[in-house]
Amino acid sequence: MAEVRNITWEGRGVRLSYTPRWSNVIDHVEIKSHDGDPLPMTETGYRSHFFGPVDPVLTMDEIEAMVRDWLDTEAAKPAWQDYVLRSQQLSLF
């Protein structure tokens, strides 16, 4: 059964869903922006990520910390910085 948590990152609503031992084999995290706007690791605002399995099963606090670190790491990259700059400026084309 998935655990769900809504967080705010950089003013954006983000839904986290964590399913430990998905299919009894591997852990699964889904990351989705509330408004469908891009996030640093996904242009679509949705990311599915499999990992582990991790023993013991992670808590939602650990999942949140992992995702926030991932968001922060990807947000520091030039591609995301460029996206943020472009999204703040009006374009005639």
PDB file of N, CA and C in Angstrom:
ATOM      1  N   MET A   1       0.842  -1.186   0.000  1.00  0.00           N
ATOM      2  CA  MET A   1       0.000   0.000   0.000  1.00  0.00           C
ATOM      3  C   MET A   1       0.881   1.242   0.000  1.00  0.00           C
ATOM      4  N   ALA A   2       0.537   2.180  -0.818  1.00  0.00           N
ATOM      5  CA  ALA A   2       1.328   3.405  -0.949  1.00  0.00           C
ATOM      6  C   ALA A   2       1.032   4.383   0.181  1.00  0.00           C
ATOM      7  N   GLU A   3       2.079   5.045   0.622  1.00  0.00           N
ATOM      8  CA  GLU A   3       1.936   6.170   1.544  1.00  0.00           C
ATOM      9  C   GLU A   3       2.036   7.432   0.701  1.00  0.00           C
ATOM     10  N   VAL A   4       1.238   8.442   1.037  1.00  0.00           N
ATOM     11  CA  VAL A   4       1.197   9.671   0.254  1.00  0.00           C
ATOM     12  C   VAL A   4       1.455  10.861   1.157  1.00  0.00           C
ATOM     13  N   ARG A   5       2.203  11.818   0.623  1.00  0.00           N
ATOM     14  CA  ARG A   5       2.455  13.065   1.348  1.00  0.00           C
ATOM     15  C   ARG A   5       2.511  14.200   0.337  1.00  0.00           C
ATOM     16  N   ASN A   6       1.891  15.300   0.680  1.00  0.00           N
ATOM     17  CA  ASN A   6       1.976  16.525  -0.120  1.00  0.00           C
ATOM     18  C   ASN A   6       2.981  17.453   0.543  1.00  0.00           C
ATOM     19  N   ILE A   7       3.886  17.988  -0.273  1.00  0.00           N
ATOM     20  CA  ILE A   7       4.901  18.906   0.233  1.00  0.00           C
ATOM     21  C   ILE A   7       4.896  20.158  -0.633  1.00  0.00           C
ATOM     22  N   THR A   8       5.573  21.169  -0.153  1.00  0.00           N
ATOM     23  CA  THR A   8       5.801  22.375  -0.943  1.00  0.00           C
ATOM     24  C   THR A   8       7.300  22.524  -1.116  1.00  0.00           C
ATOM     25  N   TRP A   9       7.718  22.655  -2.381  1.00  0.00           N
ATOM     26  CA  TRP A   9       9.133  22.867  -2.705  1.00  0.00           C
ATOM     27  C   TRP A   9       9.221  24.098  -3.600  1.00  0.00           C
ATOM     28  N   GLU A  10       9.992  25.098  -3.159  1.00  0.00           N
ATOM     29  CA  GLU A  10      10.163  26.341  -3.932  1.00  0.00           C
ATOM     30  C   GLU A  10       8.810  26.927  -4.340  1.00  0.00           C
ATOM     31  N   GLY A  11       7.829  26.865  -3.445  1.00  0.00           N
ATOM     32  CA  GLY A  11       6.506  27.420  -3.701  1.00  0.00           C
ATOM     33  C   GLY A  11       5.625  26.547  -4.573  1.00  0.00           C
ATOM     34  N   ARG A  12       6.089  25.368  -4.946  1.00  0.00           N
ATOM     35  CA  ARG A  12       5.327  24.459  -5.812  1.00  0.00           C
ATOM     36  C   ARG A  12       4.786  23.301  -4.985  1.00  0.00           C
ATOM     37  N   GLY A  13       3.520  22.965  -5.211  1.00  0.00           N
ATOM     38  CA  GLY A  13       2.938  21.799  -4.561  1.00  0.00           C
ATOM     39  C   GLY A  13       3.414  20.533  -5.249  1.00  0.00           C
ATOM     40  N   VAL A  14       3.841  19.569  -4.445  1.00  0.00           N
ATOM     41  CA  VAL A  14       4.356  18.304  -4.969  1.00  0.00           C
ATOM     42  C   VAL A  14       3.755  17.156  -4.163  1.00  0.00           C
ATOM     43  N   ARG A  15       3.264  16.146  -4.882  1.00  0.00           N
ATOM     44  CA  ARG A  15       2.703  14.955  -4.239  1.00  0.00           C
ATOM     45  C   ARG A  15       3.732  13.835  -4.320  1.00  0.00           C
ATOM     46  N   LEU A  16       4.026  13.226  -3.163  1.00  0.00           N
ATOM     47  CA  LEU A  16       4.929  12.089  -3.098  1.00  0.00           C
ATOM     48  C   LEU A  16       4.116  10.852  -2.754  1.00  0.00           C
ATOM     49  N   SER A  17       4.378   9.783  -3.450  1.00  0.00           N
ATOM     50  CA  SER A  17       3.751   8.500  -3.156  1.00  0.00           C
ATOM     51  C   SER A  17       4.856   7.460  -3.049  1.00  0.00           C
ATOM     52  N   TYR A  18       4.877   6.716  -1.954  1.00  0.00           N
ATOM     53  CA  TYR A  18       5.929   5.733  -1.710  1.00  0.00           C
ATOM     54  C   TYR A  18       5.305   4.362  -1.478  1.00  0.00           C
ATOM     55  N   THR A  19       5.730   3.396  -2.282  1.00  0.00           N
ATOM     56  CA  THR A  19       5.283   2.020  -2.125  1.00  0.00           C
ATOM     57  C   THR A  19       6.497   1.144  -1.877  1.00  0.00           C
ATOM     58  N   PRO A  20       6.729   0.769  -0.608  1.00  0.00           N
ATOM     59  CA  PRO A  20       7.837  -0.149  -0.350  1.00  0.00           C
ATOM     60  C   PRO A  20       7.460  -1.543  -0.842  1.00  0.00           C
ATOM     61  N   ARG A  21       8.450  -2.249  -1.337  1.00  0.00           N
ATOM     62  CA  ARG A  21       8.279  -3.628  -1.811  1.00  0.00           C
ATOM     63  C   ARG A  21       7.182  -3.746  -2.872  1.00  0.00           C
ATOM     64  N   TRP A  22       7.186  -2.782  -3.802  1.00  0.00           N
ATOM     65  CA  TRP A  22       6.255  -2.829  -4.926  1.00  0.00           C
ATOM     66  C   TRP A  22       6.459  -4.165  -5.626  1.00  0.00           C
ATOM     67  N   SER A  23       5.422  -4.878  -5.892  1.00  0.00           N
ATOM     68  CA  SER A  23       5.480  -6.235  -6.472  1.00  0.00           C
ATOM     69  C   SER A  23       6.348  -7.173  -5.630  1.00  0.00           C
ATOM     70  N   ASN A  24       6.448  -6.874  -4.352  1.00  0.00           N
ATOM     71  CA  ASN A  24       7.236  -7.681  -3.409  1.00  0.00           C
ATOM     72  C   ASN A  24       8.717  -7.741  -3.750  1.00  0.00           C
ATOM     73  N   VAL A  25       9.185  -6.799  -4.580  1.00  0.00           N
ATOM     74  CA  VAL A  25      10.571  -6.884  -5.035  1.00  0.00           C
ATOM     75  C   VAL A  25      11.351  -5.596  -4.829  1.00  0.00           C
ATOM     76  N   ILE A  26      10.770  -4.474  -5.146  1.00  0.00           N
ATOM     77  CA  ILE A  26      11.516  -3.223  -5.249  1.00  0.00           C
ATOM     78  C   ILE A  26      10.678  -2.077  -4.683  1.00  0.00           C
ATOM     79  N   ASP A  27      11.320  -1.017  -4.240  1.00  0.00           N
ATOM     80  CA  ASP A  27      10.598   0.148  -3.713  1.00  0.00           C
ATOM     81  C   ASP A  27      10.306   1.126  -4.846  1.00  0.00           C
ATOM     82  N   HIS A  28       9.215   1.868  -4.703  1.00  0.00           N
ATOM     83  CA  HIS A  28       8.767   2.766  -5.769  1.00  0.00           C
ATOM     84  C   HIS A  28       8.331   4.108  -5.197  1.00  0.00           C
ATOM     85  N   VAL A  29       8.790   5.185  -5.823  1.00  0.00           N
ATOM     86  CA  VAL A  29       8.374   6.540  -5.461  1.00  0.00           C
ATOM     87  C   VAL A  29       7.805   7.214  -6.705  1.00  0.00           C
ATOM     88  N   GLU A  30       6.675   7.888  -6.534  1.00  0.00           N
ATOM     89  CA  GLU A  30       6.114   8.726  -7.590  1.00  0.00           C
ATOM     90  C   GLU A  30       6.177  10.169  -7.100  1.00  0.00           C
ATOM     91  N   ILE A  31       6.594  11.054  -7.988  1.00  0.00           N
ATOM     92  CA  ILE A  31       6.701  12.480  -7.688  1.00  0.00           C
ATOM     93  C   ILE A  31       5.866  13.199  -8.734  1.00  0.00           C
ATOM     94  N   LYS A  32       4.933  14.034  -8.283  1.00  0.00           N
ATOM     95  CA  LYS A  32       4.045  14.711  -9.227  1.00  0.00           C
ATOM     96  C   LYS A  32       3.765  16.127  -8.756  1.00  0.00           C
ATOM     97  N   SER A  33       3.985  17.090  -9.653  1.00  0.00           N
ATOM     98  CA  SER A  33       3.638  18.473  -9.303  1.00  0.00           C
ATOM     99  C   SER A  33       2.121  18.607  -9.322  1.00  0.00           C
ATOM    100  N   HIS A  34       1.580  19.363  -8.397  1.00  0.00           N
ATOM    101  CA  HIS A  34       0.126  19.519  -8.300  1.00  0.00           C
ATOM    102  C   HIS A  34      -0.464  20.143  -9.555  1.00  0.00           C
ATOM    103  N   ASP A  35       0.248  21.085 -10.150  1.00  0.00           N
ATOM    104  CA  ASP A  35      -0.287  21.811 -11.297  1.00  0.00           C
ATOM    105  C   ASP A  35       0.175  21.257 -12.643  1.00  0.00           C
ATOM    106  N   GLY A  36       0.968  20.196 -12.626  1.00  0.00           N
ATOM    107  CA  GLY A  36       1.462  19.614 -13.869  1.00  0.00           C
ATOM    108  C   GLY A  36       2.646  20.348 -14.472  1.00  0.00           C
ATOM    109  N   ASP A  37       3.100  21.405 -13.804  1.00  0.00           N
ATOM    110  CA  ASP A  37       4.268  22.138 -14.300  1.00  0.00           C
ATOM    111  C   ASP A  37       5.533  21.307 -14.091  1.00  0.00           C
ATOM    112  N   PRO A  38       6.561  21.588 -14.879  1.00  0.00           N
ATOM    113  CA  PRO A  38       7.815  20.842 -14.751  1.00  0.00           C
ATOM    114  C   PRO A  38       8.428  20.946 -13.356  1.00  0.00           C
ATOM    115  N   LEU A  39       9.208  19.933 -13.029  1.00  0.00           N
ATOM    116  CA  LEU A  39      10.051  19.920 -11.847  1.00  0.00           C
ATOM    117  C   LEU A  39      11.474  19.700 -12.348  1.00  0.00           C
ATOM    118  N   PRO A  40      12.473  19.970 -11.537  1.00  0.00           N
ATOM    119  CA  PRO A  40      13.849  19.886 -12.025  1.00  0.00           C
ATOM    120  C   PRO A  40      14.239  18.541 -12.644  1.00  0.00           C
ATOM    121  N   MET A  41      13.603  17.455 -12.229  1.00  0.00           N
ATOM    122  CA  MET A  41      13.976  16.155 -12.783  1.00  0.00           C
ATOM    123  C   MET A  41      12.961  15.608 -13.778  1.00  0.00           C
ATOM    124  N   THR A  42      11.968  16.434 -14.154  1.00  0.00           N
ATOM    125  CA  THR A  42      10.972  15.988 -15.121  1.00  0.00           C
ATOM    126  C   THR A  42      10.282  17.165 -15.801  1.00  0.00           C
ATOM    127  N   GLU A  43      10.275  17.150 -17.112  1.00  0.00           N
ATOM    128  CA  GLU A  43       9.609  18.210 -17.873  1.00  0.00           C
ATOM    129  C   GLU A  43       8.092  18.090 -17.821  1.00  0.00           C
ATOM    130  N   THR A  44       7.587  16.898 -17.487  1.00  0.00           N
ATOM    131  CA  THR A  44       6.148  16.664 -17.483  1.00  0.00           C
ATOM    132  C   THR A  44       5.500  16.904 -16.127  1.00  0.00           C
ATOM    133  N   GLY A  45       6.314  17.113 -15.091  1.00  0.00           N
ATOM    134  CA  GLY A  45       5.768  17.271 -13.748  1.00  0.00           C
ATOM    135  C   GLY A  45       5.486  15.951 -13.069  1.00  0.00           C
ATOM    136  N   TYR A  46       5.854  14.829 -13.716  1.00  0.00           N
ATOM    137  CA  TYR A  46       5.650  13.501 -13.128  1.00  0.00           C
ATOM    138  C   TYR A  46       6.919  12.677 -13.287  1.00  0.00           C
ATOM    139  N   ARG A  47       7.281  11.977 -12.218  1.00  0.00           N
ATOM    140  CA  ARG A  47       8.449  11.098 -12.267  1.00  0.00           C
ATOM    141  C   ARG A  47       8.160   9.856 -11.433  1.00  0.00           C
ATOM    142  N   SER A  48       8.407   8.715 -12.017  1.00  0.00           N
ATOM    143  CA  SER A  48       8.305   7.436 -11.341  1.00  0.00           C
ATOM    144  C   SER A  48       9.725   6.918 -11.171  1.00  0.00           C
ATOM    145  N   HIS A  49      10.067   6.482  -9.958  1.00  0.00           N
ATOM    146  CA  HIS A  49      11.444   6.046  -9.697  1.00  0.00           C
ATOM    147  C   HIS A  49      11.430   4.771  -8.850  1.00  0.00           C
ATOM    148  N   PHE A  50      12.116   3.741  -9.338  1.00  0.00           N
ATOM    149  CA  PHE A  50      12.250   2.479  -8.618  1.00  0.00           C
ATOM    150  C   PHE A  50      13.642   2.396  -8.015  1.00  0.00           C
ATOM    151  N   PHE A  51      13.741   1.839  -6.831  1.00  0.00           N
ATOM    152  CA  PHE A  51      15.044   1.676  -6.191  1.00  0.00           C
ATOM    153  C   PHE A  51      14.965   0.584  -5.134  1.00  0.00           C
ATOM    154  N   GLY A  52      16.118   0.188  -4.634  1.00  0.00           N
ATOM    155  CA  GLY A  52      16.177  -0.747  -3.522  1.00  0.00           C
ATOM    156  C   GLY A  52      16.042  -2.184  -3.976  1.00  0.00           C
ATOM    157  N   PRO A  53      15.421  -3.007  -3.172  1.00  0.00           N
ATOM    158  CA  PRO A  53      14.731  -2.634  -1.943  1.00  0.00           C
ATOM    159  C   PRO A  53      15.693  -2.198  -0.842  1.00  0.00           C
ATOM    160  N   VAL A  54      15.189  -1.377   0.041  1.00  0.00           N
ATOM    161  CA  VAL A  54      15.993  -0.848   1.134  1.00  0.00           C
ATOM    162  C   VAL A  54      15.542  -1.517   2.429  1.00  0.00           C
ATOM    163  N   ASP A  55      16.487  -2.008   3.191  1.00  0.00           N
ATOM    164  CA  ASP A  55      16.165  -2.576   4.502  1.00  0.00           C
ATOM    165  C   ASP A  55      16.739  -1.686   5.570  1.00  0.00           C
ATOM    166  N   PRO A  56      15.998  -1.251   6.536  1.00  0.00           N
ATOM    167  CA  PRO A  56      14.559  -1.425   6.645  1.00  0.00           C
ATOM    168  C   PRO A  56      13.821  -0.483   5.690  1.00  0.00           C
ATOM    169  N   VAL A  57      12.510  -0.688   5.589  1.00  0.00           N
ATOM    170  CA  VAL A  57      11.672   0.177   4.753  1.00  0.00           C
ATOM    171  C   VAL A  57      11.835   1.616   5.216  1.00  0.00           C
ATOM    172  N   LEU A  58      11.939   2.541   4.269  1.00  0.00           N
ATOM    173  CA  LEU A  58      12.109   3.958   4.606  1.00  0.00           C
ATOM    174  C   LEU A  58      10.817   4.558   5.140  1.00  0.00           C
ATOM    175  N   THR A  59      10.958   5.578   5.968  1.00  0.00           N
ATOM    176  CA  THR A  59       9.793   6.318   6.451  1.00  0.00           C
ATOM    177  C   THR A  59       9.459   7.413   5.433  1.00  0.00           C
ATOM    178  N   MET A  60       8.264   7.976   5.544  1.00  0.00           N
ATOM    179  CA  MET A  60       7.909   9.086   4.647  1.00  0.00           C
ATOM    180  C   MET A  60       8.800  10.295   4.895  1.00  0.00           C
ATOM    181  N   ASP A  61       9.270  10.488   6.116  1.00  0.00           N
ATOM    182  CA  ASP A  61      10.207  11.586   6.379  1.00  0.00           C
ATOM    183  C   ASP A  61      11.501  11.371   5.597  1.00  0.00           C
ATOM    184  N   GLU A  62      11.979  10.129   5.531  1.00  0.00           N
ATOM    185  CA  GLU A  62      13.195   9.824   4.770  1.00  0.00           C
ATOM    186  C   GLU A  62      12.960   9.984   3.270  1.00  0.00           C
ATOM    187  N   ILE A  63      11.800   9.559   2.805  1.00  0.00           N
ATOM    188  CA  ILE A  63      11.461   9.724   1.382  1.00  0.00           C
ATOM    189  C   ILE A  63      11.395  11.207   1.042  1.00  0.00           C
ATOM    190  N   GLU A  64      10.735  11.992   1.884  1.00  0.00           N
ATOM    191  CA  GLU A  64      10.653  13.429   1.639  1.00  0.00           C
ATOM    192  C   GLU A  64      12.047  14.053   1.587  1.00  0.00           C
ATOM    193  N   ALA A  65      12.902  13.700   2.526  1.00  0.00           N
ATOM    194  CA  ALA A  65      14.267  14.242   2.546  1.00  0.00           C
ATOM    195  C   ALA A  65      15.020  13.840   1.280  1.00  0.00           C
ATOM    196  N   MET A  66      14.862  12.603   0.831  1.00  0.00           N
ATOM    197  CA  MET A  66      15.519  12.124  -0.379  1.00  0.00           C
ATOM    198  C   MET A  66      15.038  12.904  -1.608  1.00  0.00           C
ATOM    199  N   VAL A  67      13.724  13.099  -1.710  1.00  0.00           N
ATOM    200  CA  VAL A  67      13.161  13.812  -2.860  1.00  0.00           C
ATOM    201  C   VAL A  67      13.558  15.283  -2.823  1.00  0.00           C
ATOM    202  N   ARG A  68      13.516  15.906  -1.660  1.00  0.00           N
ATOM    203  CA  ARG A  68      13.935  17.315  -1.567  1.00  0.00           C
ATOM    204  C   ARG A  68      15.400  17.480  -1.978  1.00  0.00           C
ATOM    205  N   ASP A  69      16.249  16.551  -1.561  1.00  0.00           N
ATOM    206  CA  ASP A  69      17.652  16.594  -1.959  1.00  0.00           C
ATOM    207  C   ASP A  69      17.786  16.432  -3.471  1.00  0.00           C
ATOM    208  N   TRP A  70      17.018  15.525  -4.048  1.00  0.00           N
ATOM    209  CA  TRP A  70      17.022  15.309  -5.499  1.00  0.00           C
ATOM    210  C   TRP A  70      16.566  16.573  -6.224  1.00  0.00           C
ATOM    211  N   LEU A  71      15.474  17.174  -5.763  1.00  0.00           N
ATOM    212  CA  LEU A  71      14.978  18.417  -6.368  1.00  0.00           C
ATOM    213  C   LEU A  71      16.038  19.522  -6.288  1.00  0.00           C
ATOM    214  N   ASP A  72      16.634  19.692  -5.115  1.00  0.00           N
ATOM    215  CA  ASP A  72      17.642  20.734  -4.928  1.00  0.00           C
ATOM    216  C   ASP A  72      18.867  20.504  -5.811  1.00  0.00           C
ATOM    217  N   THR A  73      19.305  19.262  -5.913  1.00  0.00           N
ATOM    218  CA  THR A  73      20.468  18.932  -6.740  1.00  0.00           C
ATOM    219  C   THR A  73      20.193  19.232  -8.208  1.00  0.00           C
ATOM    220  N   GLU A  74      19.034  18.797  -8.696  1.00  0.00           N
ATOM    221  CA  GLU A  74      18.686  19.033 -10.103  1.00  0.00           C
ATOM    222  C   GLU A  74      18.416  20.520 -10.373  1.00  0.00           C
ATOM    223  N   ALA A  75      17.872  21.225  -9.378  1.00  0.00           N
ATOM    224  CA  ALA A  75      17.563  22.646  -9.549  1.00  0.00           C
ATOM    225  C   ALA A  75      18.824  23.492  -9.672  1.00  0.00           C
ATOM    226  N   ALA A  76      19.941  22.990  -9.179  1.00  0.00           N
ATOM    227  CA  ALA A  76      21.209  23.738  -9.261  1.00  0.00           C
ATOM    228  C   ALA A  76      21.849  23.631 -10.643  1.00  0.00           C
ATOM    229  N   LYS A  77      21.338  22.754 -11.490  1.00  0.00           N
ATOM    230  CA  LYS A  77      21.923  22.542 -12.818  1.00  0.00           C
ATOM    231  C   LYS A  77      21.491  23.638 -13.793  1.00  0.00           C
ATOM    232  N   PRO A  78      22.350  23.936 -14.767  1.00  0.00           N
ATOM    233  CA  PRO A  78      22.062  25.004 -15.725  1.00  0.00           C
ATOM    234  C   PRO A  78      20.735  24.849 -16.469  1.00  0.00           C
ATOM    235  N   ALA A  79      20.339  23.656 -16.801  1.00  0.00           N
ATOM    236  CA  ALA A  79      19.088  23.462 -17.553  1.00  0.00           C
ATOM    237  C   ALA A  79      17.888  23.969 -16.756  1.00  0.00           C
ATOM    238  N   TRP A  80      17.854  23.685 -15.457  1.00  0.00           N
ATOM    239  CA  TRP A  80      16.739  24.158 -14.635  1.00  0.00           C
ATOM    240  C   TRP A  80      16.829  25.659 -14.421  1.00  0.00           C
ATOM    241  N   GLN A  81      18.022  26.168 -14.197  1.00  0.00           N
ATOM    242  CA  GLN A  81      18.198  27.609 -14.028  1.00  0.00           C
ATOM    243  C   GLN A  81      17.721  28.353 -15.272  1.00  0.00           C
ATOM    244  N   ASP A  82      18.021  27.810 -16.445  1.00  0.00           N
ATOM    245  CA  ASP A  82      17.565  28.406 -17.699  1.00  0.00           C
ATOM    246  C   ASP A  82      16.047  28.359 -17.799  1.00  0.00           C
ATOM    247  N   TYR A  83      15.445  27.235 -17.413  1.00  0.00           N
ATOM    248  CA  TYR A  83      13.988  27.105 -17.433  1.00  0.00           C
ATOM    249  C   TYR A  83      13.341  28.157 -16.529  1.00  0.00           C
ATOM    250  N   VAL A  84      13.875  28.307 -15.329  1.00  0.00           N
ATOM    251  CA  VAL A  84      13.316  29.281 -14.377  1.00  0.00           C
ATOM    252  C   VAL A  84      13.402  30.684 -14.952  1.00  0.00           C
ATOM    253  N   LEU A  85      14.545  31.026 -15.534  1.00  0.00           N
ATOM    254  CA  LEU A  85      14.723  32.348 -16.125  1.00  0.00           C
ATOM    255  C   LEU A  85      13.738  32.570 -17.282  1.00  0.00           C
ATOM    256  N   ARG A  86      13.619  31.591 -18.168  1.00  0.00           N
ATOM    257  CA  ARG A  86      12.698  31.703 -19.309  1.00  0.00           C
ATOM    258  C   ARG A  86      11.247  31.791 -18.862  1.00  0.00           C
ATOM    259  N   SER A  87      10.895  31.092 -17.800  1.00  0.00           N
ATOM    260  CA  SER A  87       9.503  31.092 -17.347  1.00  0.00           C
ATOM    261  C   SER A  87       9.113  32.406 -16.671  1.00  0.00           C
ATOM    262  N   GLN A  88      10.105  33.189 -16.265  1.00  0.00           N
ATOM    263  CA  GLN A  88       9.840  34.479 -15.632  1.00  0.00           C
ATOM    264  C   GLN A  88       9.752  35.609 -16.642  1.00  0.00           C
ATOM    265  N   GLN A  89      10.222  35.367 -17.857  1.00  0.00           N
ATOM    266  CA  GLN A  89      10.239  36.397 -18.883  1.00  0.00           C
ATOM    267  C   GLN A  89       9.134  36.165 -19.891  1.00  0.00           C
ATOM    268  N   LEU A  90       8.523  37.230 -20.352  1.00  0.00           N
ATOM    269  CA  LEU A  90       7.539  37.131 -21.417  1.00  0.00           C
ATOM    270  C   LEU A  90       8.273  36.948 -22.731  1.00  0.00           C
ATOM    271  N   SER A  91       7.646  36.202 -23.621  1.00  0.00           N
ATOM    272  CA  SER A  91       8.237  35.948 -24.929  1.00  0.00           C
ATOM    273  C   SER A  91       7.262  36.364 -26.022  1.00  0.00           C
ATOM    274  N   LEU A  92       7.789  36.963 -27.072  1.00  0.00           N
ATOM    275  CA  LEU A  92       6.943  37.356 -28.200  1.00  0.00           C
ATOM    276  C   LEU A  92       6.795  36.203 -29.197  1.00  0.00           C
ATOM    277  N   PHE A  93       7.548  35.147 -29.004  1.00  0.00           N
ATOM    278  CA  PHE A  93       7.502  34.032 -29.957  1.00  0.00           C
ATOM    279  C   PHE A  93       7.261  32.718 -29.278  1.00  0.00           C
TER     280      PHE A  93
END
